[in-house]
Amino acid sequence: MRIERILCAVDFSEPSEEAARFAVDVACQFGAEVTLLHVYAVPGYAYPEGVMVAAPDVMTEVLAQIDRSLEIWKKEAEARGAPKVRTASVQGSAAGEIVRYAEEHGVDLIVVGTHGRGGLAHVLLGSVAEKVVRRAPCPVLTVRAAAHPHEDVHAP
């Protein structure tokens, strides 16, 4: 198995931080390139009369913050020894854009964090990780954030 290109989806949460660590570890073992990908939605409000999206100045600030965050994550990945790190951000549906990016860029492995939601939260929100696993053109490594103190680590 050859792993040359790793795509790590990040939403700047604890689970995606764990995923980035795993992606860097795998990249170090294989001498692979890591791309940190952030998928964002255009902020807006829904009213009975229609939808209002964020003003251009708000979007400019949102995109600038995404770029700043990705640069910080890139520097951390490089400090951990990743041979080559790229960043990218795209607008759209998280799972769909992750899969599309992987297909278009010949990704060999996708690493994605999972929030570990269960029950009603999973039914209502779905799981980006689950959707990526079902549709990905390559293997997917899902990484769950470390158990929180209030969680029973022995529970299934």
C-alpha atoms as a PDB file:
ATOM      1  CA  MET A   1       0.000   0.000   0.000  1.00  0.00           C
ATOM      2  CA  ARG A   2       1.358   3.397  -1.015  1.00  0.00           C
ATOM      3  CA  ILE A   3       0.225   6.538   0.748  1.00  0.00           C
ATOM      4  CA  GLU A   4       1.517   9.695  -0.900  1.00  0.00           C
ATOM      5  CA  ARG A   5      -1.379  12.116  -0.397  1.00  0.00           C
ATOM      6  CA  ILE A   6      -3.389  12.388   2.805  1.00  0.00           C
ATOM      7  CA  LEU A   7      -6.464  14.578   3.125  1.00  0.00           C
ATOM      8  CA  CYS A   8      -7.356  15.605   6.663  1.00  0.00           C
ATOM      9  CA  ALA A   9     -10.717  17.323   7.052  1.00  0.00           C
ATOM     10  CA  VAL A  10     -10.653  19.925   9.813  1.00  0.00           C
ATOM     11  CA  ASP A  11     -13.401  21.948  11.420  1.00  0.00           C
ATOM     12  CA  PHE A  12     -11.086  23.212  14.183  1.00  0.00           C
ATOM     13  CA  SER A  13     -12.803  21.057  16.819  1.00  0.00           C
ATOM     14  CA  GLU A  14     -11.163  18.638  19.257  1.00  0.00           C
ATOM     15  CA  PRO A  15     -11.989  15.612  17.077  1.00  0.00           C
ATOM     16  CA  SER A  16     -10.401  17.234  14.038  1.00  0.00           C
ATOM     17  CA  GLU A  17      -7.350  18.131  16.137  1.00  0.00           C
ATOM     18  CA  GLU A  18      -6.976  14.426  16.963  1.00  0.00           C
ATOM     19  CA  ALA A  19      -7.472  13.585  13.280  1.00  0.00           C
ATOM     20  CA  ALA A  20      -4.735  16.045  12.295  1.00  0.00           C
ATOM     21  CA  ARG A  21      -2.349  14.392  14.757  1.00  0.00           C
ATOM     22  CA  PHE A  22      -3.051  10.983  13.233  1.00  0.00           C
ATOM     23  CA  ALA A  23      -2.684  12.363   9.700  1.00  0.00           C
ATOM     24  CA  VAL A  24       0.720  13.823  10.567  1.00  0.00           C
ATOM     25  CA  ASP A  25       1.835  10.558  12.201  1.00  0.00           C
ATOM     26  CA  VAL A  26       0.855   8.589   9.079  1.00  0.00           C
ATOM     27  CA  ALA A  27       2.491  11.194   6.835  1.00  0.00           C
ATOM     28  CA  CYS A  28       5.721  10.880   8.788  1.00  0.00           C
ATOM     29  CA  GLN A  29       5.696   7.085   8.427  1.00  0.00           C
ATOM     30  CA  PHE A  30       5.067   7.177   4.671  1.00  0.00           C
ATOM     31  CA  GLY A  31       6.771  10.455   3.735  1.00  0.00           C
ATOM     32  CA  ALA A  32       3.378  11.654   2.517  1.00  0.00           C
ATOM     33  CA  GLU A  33       1.939  15.067   1.867  1.00  0.00           C
ATOM     34  CA  VAL A  34      -0.907  16.211   4.129  1.00  0.00           C
ATOM     35  CA  THR A  35      -3.640  18.592   3.022  1.00  0.00           C
ATOM     36  CA  LEU A  36      -5.681  20.207   5.783  1.00  0.00           C
ATOM     37  CA  LEU A  37      -9.100  20.896   4.259  1.00  0.00           C
ATOM     38  CA  HIS A  38     -11.752  23.083   5.861  1.00  0.00           C
ATOM     39  CA  VAL A  39     -15.257  23.089   4.395  1.00  0.00           C
ATOM     40  CA  TYR A  40     -17.402  26.080   5.341  1.00  0.00           C
ATOM     41  CA  ALA A  41     -20.966  27.160   4.825  1.00  0.00           C
ATOM     42  CA  VAL A  42     -21.935  30.711   3.942  1.00  0.00           C
ATOM     43  CA  PRO A  43     -23.508  32.192   7.083  1.00  0.00           C
ATOM     44  CA  GLY A  44     -27.071  33.346   6.645  1.00  0.00           C
ATOM     45  CA  TYR A  45     -30.506  33.607   8.129  1.00  0.00           C
ATOM     46  CA  ALA A  46     -33.731  31.964   7.032  1.00  0.00           C
ATOM     47  CA  TYR A  47     -36.936  33.981   7.210  1.00  0.00           C
ATOM     48  CA  PRO A  48     -40.436  33.059   6.060  1.00  0.00           C
ATOM     49  CA  GLU A  49     -39.954  35.485   3.153  1.00  0.00           C
ATOM     50  CA  GLY A  50     -36.638  33.969   2.076  1.00  0.00           C
ATOM     51  CA  VAL A  51     -32.986  33.597   2.968  1.00  0.00           C
ATOM     52  CA  MET A  52     -30.519  36.378   3.682  1.00  0.00           C
ATOM     53  CA  VAL A  53     -26.833  35.538   3.357  1.00  0.00           C
ATOM     54  CA  ALA A  54     -23.991  37.284   5.146  1.00  0.00           C
ATOM     55  CA  ALA A  55     -22.824  40.635   3.862  1.00  0.00           C
ATOM     56  CA  PRO A  56     -19.595  40.681   1.829  1.00  0.00           C
ATOM     57  CA  ASP A  57     -17.589  42.232   4.684  1.00  0.00           C
ATOM     58  CA  VAL A  58     -18.733  39.461   7.035  1.00  0.00           C
ATOM     59  CA  MET A  59     -17.708  36.803   4.514  1.00  0.00           C
ATOM     60  CA  THR A  60     -14.339  38.491   4.056  1.00  0.00           C
ATOM     61  CA  GLU A  61     -13.726  38.275   7.817  1.00  0.00           C
ATOM     62  CA  VAL A  62     -14.957  34.662   7.990  1.00  0.00           C
ATOM     63  CA  LEU A  63     -12.592  33.632   5.182  1.00  0.00           C
ATOM     64  CA  ALA A  64      -9.701  35.537   6.765  1.00  0.00           C
ATOM     65  CA  GLN A  65     -10.289  33.720  10.064  1.00  0.00           C
ATOM     66  CA  ILE A  66     -10.373  30.364   8.271  1.00  0.00           C
ATOM     67  CA  ASP A  67      -7.063  31.195   6.558  1.00  0.00           C
ATOM     68  CA  ARG A  68      -5.498  32.244   9.890  1.00  0.00           C
ATOM     69  CA  SER A  69      -6.672  29.055  11.589  1.00  0.00           C
ATOM     70  CA  LEU A  70      -5.442  26.848   8.744  1.00  0.00           C
ATOM     71  CA  GLU A  71      -2.029  28.541   8.870  1.00  0.00           C
ATOM     72  CA  ILE A  72      -1.766  27.848  12.613  1.00  0.00           C
ATOM     73  CA  TRP A  73      -2.727  24.188  12.055  1.00  0.00           C
ATOM     74  CA  LYS A  74      -0.227  23.943   9.189  1.00  0.00           C
ATOM     75  CA  LYS A  75       2.598  25.241  11.382  1.00  0.00           C
ATOM     76  CA  GLU A  76       1.663  22.747  14.109  1.00  0.00           C
ATOM     77  CA  ALA A  77       1.700  19.880  11.600  1.00  0.00           C
ATOM     78  CA  GLU A  78       5.103  20.973  10.313  1.00  0.00           C
ATOM     79  CA  ALA A  79       6.412  21.257  13.875  1.00  0.00           C
ATOM     80  CA  ARG A  80       5.276  17.650  14.477  1.00  0.00           C
ATOM     81  CA  GLY A  81       7.392  16.562  11.506  1.00  0.00           C
ATOM     82  CA  ALA A  82       4.990  16.385   8.559  1.00  0.00           C
ATOM     83  CA  PRO A  83       7.127  16.289   5.387  1.00  0.00           C
ATOM     84  CA  LYS A  84       4.823  18.565   3.364  1.00  0.00           C
ATOM     85  CA  VAL A  85       1.630  20.335   4.439  1.00  0.00           C
ATOM     86  CA  ARG A  86      -0.887  22.147   2.267  1.00  0.00           C
ATOM     87  CA  THR A  87      -4.095  23.896   3.241  1.00  0.00           C
ATOM     88  CA  ALA A  88      -7.347  24.410   1.389  1.00  0.00           C
ATOM     89  CA  SER A  89     -10.812  25.701   2.120  1.00  0.00           C
ATOM     90  CA  VAL A  90     -13.957  25.236   0.083  1.00  0.00           C
ATOM     91  CA  GLN A  91     -17.562  26.250   0.470  1.00  0.00           C
ATOM     92  CA  GLY A  92     -20.288  23.622   0.492  1.00  0.00           C
ATOM     93  CA  SER A  93     -21.570  20.504   2.186  1.00  0.00           C
ATOM     94  CA  ALA A  94     -18.799  18.979   4.311  1.00  0.00           C
ATOM     95  CA  ALA A  95     -19.066  15.327   3.284  1.00  0.00           C
ATOM     96  CA  GLY A  96     -19.643  16.055  -0.386  1.00  0.00           C
ATOM     97  CA  GLU A  97     -16.754  18.504  -0.628  1.00  0.00           C
ATOM     98  CA  ILE A  98     -14.354  16.199   1.222  1.00  0.00           C
ATOM     99  CA  VAL A  99     -15.143  13.357  -1.192  1.00  0.00           C
ATOM    100  CA  ARG A 100     -14.970  15.664  -4.230  1.00  0.00           C
ATOM    101  CA  TYR A 101     -11.597  17.050  -3.132  1.00  0.00           C
ATOM    102  CA  ALA A 102     -10.245  13.530  -2.594  1.00  0.00           C
ATOM    103  CA  GLU A 103     -11.391  12.449  -6.064  1.00  0.00           C
ATOM    104  CA  GLU A 104     -10.034  15.529  -7.833  1.00  0.00           C
ATOM    105  CA  HIS A 105      -6.645  15.441  -6.109  1.00  0.00           C
ATOM    106  CA  GLY A 106      -5.879  11.710  -6.169  1.00  0.00           C
ATOM    107  CA  VAL A 107      -5.913  11.369  -2.387  1.00  0.00           C
ATOM    108  CA  ASP A 108      -4.724   8.009  -1.041  1.00  0.00           C
ATOM    109  CA  LEU A 109      -6.150   8.331   2.489  1.00  0.00           C
ATOM    110  CA  ILE A 110      -8.755  10.558   4.127  1.00  0.00           C
ATOM    111  CA  VAL A 111      -8.467  11.216   7.852  1.00  0.00           C
ATOM    112  CA  VAL A 112     -11.523  12.666   9.547  1.00  0.00           C
ATOM    113  CA  GLY A 113     -12.474  13.234  13.156  1.00  0.00           C
ATOM    114  CA  THR A 114     -15.770  12.071  14.534  1.00  0.00           C
ATOM    115  CA  HIS A 115     -17.749  13.682  17.305  1.00  0.00           C
ATOM    116  CA  GLY A 116     -19.098  10.305  18.365  1.00  0.00           C
ATOM    117  CA  ARG A 117     -22.685  11.495  18.468  1.00  0.00           C
ATOM    118  CA  GLY A 118     -25.276   8.862  19.099  1.00  0.00           C
ATOM    119  CA  GLY A 119     -29.008   8.603  19.405  1.00  0.00           C
ATOM    120  CA  LEU A 120     -31.180  11.521  18.379  1.00  0.00           C
ATOM    121  CA  ALA A 121     -28.244  13.858  17.693  1.00  0.00           C
ATOM    122  CA  HIS A 122     -26.913  11.394  15.117  1.00  0.00           C
ATOM    123  CA  VAL A 123     -30.340  10.938  13.537  1.00  0.00           C
ATOM    124  CA  LEU A 124     -30.935  14.685  13.281  1.00  0.00           C
ATOM    125  CA  LEU A 125     -27.437  15.859  12.393  1.00  0.00           C
ATOM    126  CA  GLY A 126     -26.096  12.813  10.609  1.00  0.00           C
ATOM    127  CA  SER A 127     -22.410  12.112  10.578  1.00  0.00           C
ATOM    128  CA  VAL A 128     -20.018  13.748   8.172  1.00  0.00           C
ATOM    129  CA  ALA A 129     -17.530  10.960   8.877  1.00  0.00           C
ATOM    130  CA  GLU A 130     -20.106   8.273   8.094  1.00  0.00           C
ATOM    131  CA  LYS A 131     -21.066   9.943   4.812  1.00  0.00           C
ATOM    132  CA  VAL A 132     -17.414  10.270   3.817  1.00  0.00           C
ATOM    133  CA  VAL A 133     -16.754   6.593   4.619  1.00  0.00           C
ATOM    134  CA  ARG A 134     -19.685   5.540   2.416  1.00  0.00           C
ATOM    135  CA  ARG A 135     -18.725   7.702  -0.568  1.00  0.00           C
ATOM    136  CA  ALA A 136     -14.932   8.042  -0.460  1.00  0.00           C
ATOM    137  CA  PRO A 137     -12.790   6.886  -3.384  1.00  0.00           C
ATOM    138  CA  CYS A 138     -10.033   5.726  -0.993  1.00  0.00           C
ATOM    139  CA  PRO A 139      -9.609   4.377   2.556  1.00  0.00           C
ATOM    140  CA  VAL A 140     -10.887   6.580   5.378  1.00  0.00           C
ATOM    141  CA  LEU A 141      -9.425   6.685   8.860  1.00  0.00           C
ATOM    142  CA  THR A 142     -11.922   7.976  11.417  1.00  0.00           C
ATOM    143  CA  VAL A 143     -10.547   9.351  14.661  1.00  0.00           C
ATOM    144  CA  ARG A 144     -12.586  10.006  17.760  1.00  0.00           C
ATOM    145  CA  ALA A 145     -11.412  12.623  20.228  1.00  0.00           C
ATOM    146  CA  ALA A 146     -10.126  11.366  23.562  1.00  0.00           C
ATOM    147  CA  ALA A 147     -12.854  10.450  26.024  1.00  0.00           C
ATOM    148  CA  HIS A 148     -14.022  13.325  28.177  1.00  0.00           C
ATOM    149  CA  PRO A 149     -13.865  12.937  31.979  1.00  0.00           C
ATOM    150  CA  HIS A 150     -17.662  12.566  32.193  1.00  0.00           C
ATOM    151  CA  GLU A 151     -17.735   9.739  29.650  1.00  0.00           C
ATOM    152  CA  ASP A 152     -17.509   6.123  30.687  1.00  0.00           C
ATOM    153  CA  VAL A 153     -14.558   4.866  28.654  1.00  0.00           C
ATOM    154  CA  HIS A 154     -15.684   1.259  29.204  1.00  0.00           C
ATOM    155  CA  ALA A 155     -19.116   1.794  27.700  1.00  0.00           C
ATOM    156  CA  PRO A 156     -19.668   0.430  24.164  1.00  0.00           C
END
